[in-house]
Amino acid sequence: MTNPKPQFVYVTYIQTTPEKVWAALQDPEMTRQFWGMHKNVSDWKPGSRWTHQDYETHEVRVTGQVLEAEPPKKLVLTWGWPEGRPGAEPPSRVTFLIEPFMGTVRLTVTHDELVEGGAMMKGISQGWPPILSSLKSLLETGQPLAMTTKRWGG
């Protein structure tokens, strides 16, 4: 029996609608605010490429493929560094599950297929909590967390 690959799971509850969460994950003006000056670019159809880019320079930081897109319920992406990046690891997978829950939205982000002890696991463990907290703040109050409105090193 092989050891399962590590995964990172983050669950948050947001006072909003599934449609607004779905839109926030894709709208460049919104992601710029809660995702460290970055935008996600794709046509969001299964099989299509997607990229996570610096909002101003358009430098690709993460790239992958849309595996599933079921608006406004579920989005599944492969997640990897651009080709040629030093220390690149095999692509991992991110699942955004958006569910109505008692008048709110339960957003579950599962990042799996990670390399044990790898740089991606370290990066996303530090990155997802503030990004998703800022998404929650933006959707509930109209204001993201200030730290996520700035470009992050990396």
C-alpha atoms as a PDB file:
ATOM      1  CA  MET A   1       0.000   0.000   0.000  1.00  0.00           C
ATOM      2  CA  THR A   2       1.369   3.404  -0.935  1.00  0.00           C
ATOM      3  CA  ASN A   3       1.289   6.362   1.380  1.00  0.00           C
ATOM      4  CA  PRO A   4      -1.325   8.940   0.412  1.00  0.00           C
ATOM      5  CA  LYS A   5      -0.007  12.296  -0.748  1.00  0.00           C
ATOM      6  CA  PRO A   6      -0.477  15.184   1.686  1.00  0.00           C
ATOM      7  CA  GLN A   7      -3.345  17.588   1.348  1.00  0.00           C
ATOM      8  CA  PHE A   8      -4.345  20.964   2.747  1.00  0.00           C
ATOM      9  CA  VAL A   9      -8.009  21.615   3.559  1.00  0.00           C
ATOM     10  CA  TYR A  10      -9.458  24.990   4.526  1.00  0.00           C
ATOM     11  CA  VAL A  11     -13.129  25.561   5.352  1.00  0.00           C
ATOM     12  CA  THR A  12     -14.722  28.961   5.895  1.00  0.00           C
ATOM     13  CA  TYR A  13     -18.275  30.255   6.114  1.00  0.00           C
ATOM     14  CA  ILE A  14     -19.108  33.439   4.232  1.00  0.00           C
ATOM     15  CA  GLN A  15     -22.240  35.589   4.535  1.00  0.00           C
ATOM     16  CA  THR A  16     -22.885  35.798   0.786  1.00  0.00           C
ATOM     17  CA  THR A  17     -24.247  33.750  -2.105  1.00  0.00           C
ATOM     18  CA  PRO A  18     -22.594  30.891  -4.029  1.00  0.00           C
ATOM     19  CA  GLU A  19     -22.749  33.016  -7.184  1.00  0.00           C
ATOM     20  CA  LYS A  20     -20.712  35.805  -5.557  1.00  0.00           C
ATOM     21  CA  VAL A  21     -18.043  33.372  -4.323  1.00  0.00           C
ATOM     22  CA  TRP A  22     -17.838  31.809  -7.795  1.00  0.00           C
ATOM     23  CA  ALA A  23     -17.467  35.237  -9.409  1.00  0.00           C
ATOM     24  CA  ALA A  24     -14.853  36.372  -6.876  1.00  0.00           C
ATOM     25  CA  LEU A  25     -12.562  33.460  -7.733  1.00  0.00           C
ATOM     26  CA  GLN A  26     -12.511  34.534 -11.379  1.00  0.00           C
ATOM     27  CA  ASP A  27     -13.012  38.315 -11.519  1.00  0.00           C
ATOM     28  CA  PRO A  28      -9.573  39.988 -11.964  1.00  0.00           C
ATOM     29  CA  GLU A  29     -10.684  43.169 -10.166  1.00  0.00           C
ATOM     30  CA  MET A  30     -11.728  41.150  -7.134  1.00  0.00           C
ATOM     31  CA  THR A  31      -8.776  38.739  -7.057  1.00  0.00           C
ATOM     32  CA  ARG A  32      -6.426  41.732  -7.259  1.00  0.00           C
ATOM     33  CA  GLN A  33      -7.809  42.842  -3.887  1.00  0.00           C
ATOM     34  CA  PHE A  34      -7.743  39.598  -1.922  1.00  0.00           C
ATOM     35  CA  TRP A  35      -5.031  37.565  -3.699  1.00  0.00           C
ATOM     36  CA  GLY A  36      -1.904  39.709  -3.364  1.00  0.00           C
ATOM     37  CA  MET A  37      -2.190  41.747  -6.583  1.00  0.00           C
ATOM     38  CA  HIS A  38      -2.864  38.710  -8.794  1.00  0.00           C
ATOM     39  CA  LYS A  39      -5.566  37.651 -11.220  1.00  0.00           C
ATOM     40  CA  ASN A  40      -6.801  34.306 -12.509  1.00  0.00           C
ATOM     41  CA  VAL A  41      -7.136  34.058 -16.284  1.00  0.00           C
ATOM     42  CA  SER A  42      -9.101  31.384 -18.183  1.00  0.00           C
ATOM     43  CA  ASP A  43     -12.330  30.769 -20.029  1.00  0.00           C
ATOM     44  CA  TRP A  44     -13.104  28.361 -17.136  1.00  0.00           C
ATOM     45  CA  LYS A  45     -14.191  25.486 -19.375  1.00  0.00           C
ATOM     46  CA  PRO A  46     -13.071  21.931 -18.521  1.00  0.00           C
ATOM     47  CA  GLY A  47      -9.865  21.159 -20.398  1.00  0.00           C
ATOM     48  CA  SER A  48      -8.864  24.828 -20.716  1.00  0.00           C
ATOM     49  CA  ARG A  49      -5.640  26.312 -19.407  1.00  0.00           C
ATOM     50  CA  TRP A  50      -5.755  28.749 -16.515  1.00  0.00           C
ATOM     51  CA  THR A  51      -3.038  31.019 -15.143  1.00  0.00           C
ATOM     52  CA  HIS A  52      -2.516  32.937 -11.916  1.00  0.00           C
ATOM     53  CA  GLN A  53      -0.768  36.139 -12.982  1.00  0.00           C
ATOM     54  CA  ASP A  54       0.664  39.282 -11.468  1.00  0.00           C
ATOM     55  CA  TYR A  55      -2.114  41.822 -11.999  1.00  0.00           C
ATOM     56  CA  GLU A  56       0.167  44.520 -13.443  1.00  0.00           C
ATOM     57  CA  THR A  57       3.100  42.702 -15.096  1.00  0.00           C
ATOM     58  CA  HIS A  58       1.073  39.647 -16.224  1.00  0.00           C
ATOM     59  CA  GLU A  59       3.944  37.367 -15.087  1.00  0.00           C
ATOM     60  CA  VAL A  60       2.539  33.851 -14.665  1.00  0.00           C
ATOM     61  CA  ARG A  61       3.082  32.567 -11.110  1.00  0.00           C
ATOM     62  CA  VAL A  62       0.925  29.432 -11.233  1.00  0.00           C
ATOM     63  CA  THR A  63      -0.568  27.570 -14.160  1.00  0.00           C
ATOM     64  CA  GLY A  64      -2.701  24.527 -14.766  1.00  0.00           C
ATOM     65  CA  GLN A  65      -5.784  23.113 -16.363  1.00  0.00           C
ATOM     66  CA  VAL A  66      -9.465  23.407 -15.515  1.00  0.00           C
ATOM     67  CA  LEU A  67     -10.547  19.850 -14.663  1.00  0.00           C
ATOM     68  CA  GLU A  68     -14.144  20.568 -13.584  1.00  0.00           C
ATOM     69  CA  ALA A  69     -16.304  23.676 -13.634  1.00  0.00           C
ATOM     70  CA  GLU A  70     -19.824  23.475 -12.265  1.00  0.00           C
ATOM     71  CA  PRO A  71     -20.970  27.066 -11.592  1.00  0.00           C
ATOM     72  CA  PRO A  72     -21.562  28.130  -8.870  1.00  0.00           C
ATOM     73  CA  LYS A  73     -20.847  24.873  -6.995  1.00  0.00           C
ATOM     74  CA  LYS A  74     -17.485  23.399  -7.836  1.00  0.00           C
ATOM     75  CA  LEU A  75     -14.216  24.332  -9.547  1.00  0.00           C
ATOM     76  CA  VAL A  76     -11.301  21.882  -9.829  1.00  0.00           C
ATOM     77  CA  LEU A  77      -7.902  22.930 -11.196  1.00  0.00           C
ATOM     78  CA  THR A  78      -4.459  21.453 -11.580  1.00  0.00           C
ATOM     79  CA  TRP A  79      -1.951  23.758  -9.911  1.00  0.00           C
ATOM     80  CA  GLY A  80       1.707  24.013 -10.789  1.00  0.00           C
ATOM     81  CA  TRP A  81       4.587  26.366 -11.358  1.00  0.00           C
ATOM     82  CA  PRO A  82       5.408  27.498 -14.873  1.00  0.00           C
ATOM     83  CA  GLU A  83       7.785  25.293 -16.832  1.00  0.00           C
ATOM     84  CA  GLY A  84      11.440  26.017 -16.180  1.00  0.00           C
ATOM     85  CA  ARG A  85      10.990  27.333 -12.648  1.00  0.00           C
ATOM     86  CA  PRO A  86      13.798  26.032 -10.411  1.00  0.00           C
ATOM     87  CA  GLY A  87      12.602  23.408  -7.948  1.00  0.00           C
ATOM     88  CA  ALA A  88       9.404  22.746  -9.873  1.00  0.00           C
ATOM     89  CA  GLU A  89       7.270  19.912  -8.521  1.00  0.00           C
ATOM     90  CA  PRO A  90       4.607  17.825 -10.270  1.00  0.00           C
ATOM     91  CA  PRO A  91       1.281  19.674 -10.497  1.00  0.00           C
ATOM     92  CA  SER A  92      -1.073  19.435  -7.545  1.00  0.00           C
ATOM     93  CA  ARG A  93      -4.863  19.851  -7.562  1.00  0.00           C
ATOM     94  CA  VAL A  94      -7.179  22.436  -6.010  1.00  0.00           C
ATOM     95  CA  THR A  95     -10.898  21.903  -5.479  1.00  0.00           C
ATOM     96  CA  PHE A  96     -13.174  24.797  -4.553  1.00  0.00           C
ATOM     97  CA  LEU A  97     -16.462  23.420  -3.201  1.00  0.00           C
ATOM     98  CA  ILE A  98     -19.097  26.135  -2.762  1.00  0.00           C
ATOM     99  CA  GLU A  99     -22.178  25.043  -0.800  1.00  0.00           C
ATOM    100  CA  PRO A 100     -25.167  26.895   0.631  1.00  0.00           C
ATOM    101  CA  PHE A 101     -25.264  26.355   4.403  1.00  0.00           C
ATOM    102  CA  MET A 102     -27.907  27.798   6.740  1.00  0.00           C
ATOM    103  CA  GLY A 103     -28.175  31.129   4.914  1.00  0.00           C
ATOM    104  CA  THR A 104     -24.424  31.407   4.292  1.00  0.00           C
ATOM    105  CA  VAL A 105     -21.896  29.758   1.993  1.00  0.00           C
ATOM    106  CA  ARG A 106     -19.516  27.048   3.140  1.00  0.00           C
ATOM    107  CA  LEU A 107     -16.355  27.300   1.014  1.00  0.00           C
ATOM    108  CA  THR A 108     -14.097  24.257   1.242  1.00  0.00           C
ATOM    109  CA  VAL A 109     -10.736  24.521  -0.506  1.00  0.00           C
ATOM    110  CA  THR A 110      -8.895  21.216  -0.800  1.00  0.00           C
ATOM    111  CA  HIS A 111      -5.362  21.379  -2.187  1.00  0.00           C
ATOM    112  CA  ASP A 112      -4.136  17.825  -2.707  1.00  0.00           C
ATOM    113  CA  GLU A 113      -1.722  15.681  -4.724  1.00  0.00           C
ATOM    114  CA  LEU A 114       1.101  17.602  -3.011  1.00  0.00           C
ATOM    115  CA  VAL A 115       4.720  16.489  -2.624  1.00  0.00           C
ATOM    116  CA  GLU A 116       5.514  15.517   0.983  1.00  0.00           C
ATOM    117  CA  GLY A 117       7.731  18.237   2.470  1.00  0.00           C
ATOM    118  CA  GLY A 118       7.762  20.156  -0.829  1.00  0.00           C
ATOM    119  CA  ALA A 119       7.945  23.871  -1.432  1.00  0.00           C
ATOM    120  CA  MET A 120       4.378  23.977  -2.770  1.00  0.00           C
ATOM    121  CA  MET A 121       3.002  22.466   0.461  1.00  0.00           C
ATOM    122  CA  LYS A 122       4.906  25.046   2.507  1.00  0.00           C
ATOM    123  CA  GLY A 123       3.784  27.916   0.274  1.00  0.00           C
ATOM    124  CA  ILE A 124       0.110  27.065   0.147  1.00  0.00           C
ATOM    125  CA  SER A 125      -0.029  26.327   3.901  1.00  0.00           C
ATOM    126  CA  GLN A 126       1.065  29.917   4.476  1.00  0.00           C
ATOM    127  CA  GLY A 127      -0.859  31.383   1.545  1.00  0.00           C
ATOM    128  CA  TRP A 128      -4.367  29.937   1.569  1.00  0.00           C
ATOM    129  CA  PRO A 129      -5.419  31.088   5.093  1.00  0.00           C
ATOM    130  CA  PRO A 130      -4.834  34.842   4.568  1.00  0.00           C
ATOM    131  CA  ILE A 131      -6.123  34.762   0.979  1.00  0.00           C
ATOM    132  CA  LEU A 132      -9.347  32.993   1.915  1.00  0.00           C
ATOM    133  CA  SER A 133      -9.791  35.149   5.034  1.00  0.00           C
ATOM    134  CA  SER A 134      -9.454  38.230   2.847  1.00  0.00           C
ATOM    135  CA  LEU A 135     -11.965  36.816   0.329  1.00  0.00           C
ATOM    136  CA  LYS A 136     -14.427  36.365   3.205  1.00  0.00           C
ATOM    137  CA  SER A 137     -13.812  39.913   4.413  1.00  0.00           C
ATOM    138  CA  LEU A 138     -14.195  41.367   0.917  1.00  0.00           C
ATOM    139  CA  LEU A 139     -17.496  39.580   0.269  1.00  0.00           C
ATOM    140  CA  GLU A 140     -18.948  40.381   3.696  1.00  0.00           C
ATOM    141  CA  THR A 141     -17.777  43.958   4.200  1.00  0.00           C
ATOM    142  CA  GLY A 142     -16.666  45.212   0.785  1.00  0.00           C
ATOM    143  CA  GLN A 143     -13.098  45.555   2.110  1.00  0.00           C
ATOM    144  CA  PRO A 144     -10.325  42.942   1.828  1.00  0.00           C
ATOM    145  CA  LEU A 145      -7.637  42.517   4.487  1.00  0.00           C
ATOM    146  CA  ALA A 146      -5.006  45.208   3.866  1.00  0.00           C
ATOM    147  CA  MET A 147      -2.129  42.721   3.672  1.00  0.00           C
ATOM    148  CA  THR A 148      -3.639  40.992   0.631  1.00  0.00           C
ATOM    149  CA  THR A 149      -3.944  44.193  -1.381  1.00  0.00           C
ATOM    150  CA  LYS A 150      -0.156  44.338  -1.710  1.00  0.00           C
ATOM    151  CA  ARG A 151       2.161  42.277  -3.906  1.00  0.00           C
ATOM    152  CA  TRP A 152       3.606  39.340  -1.989  1.00  0.00           C
ATOM    153  CA  GLY A 153       7.171  38.163  -2.382  1.00  0.00           C
ATOM    154  CA  GLY A 154       7.736  34.695  -3.605  1.00  0.00           C
END
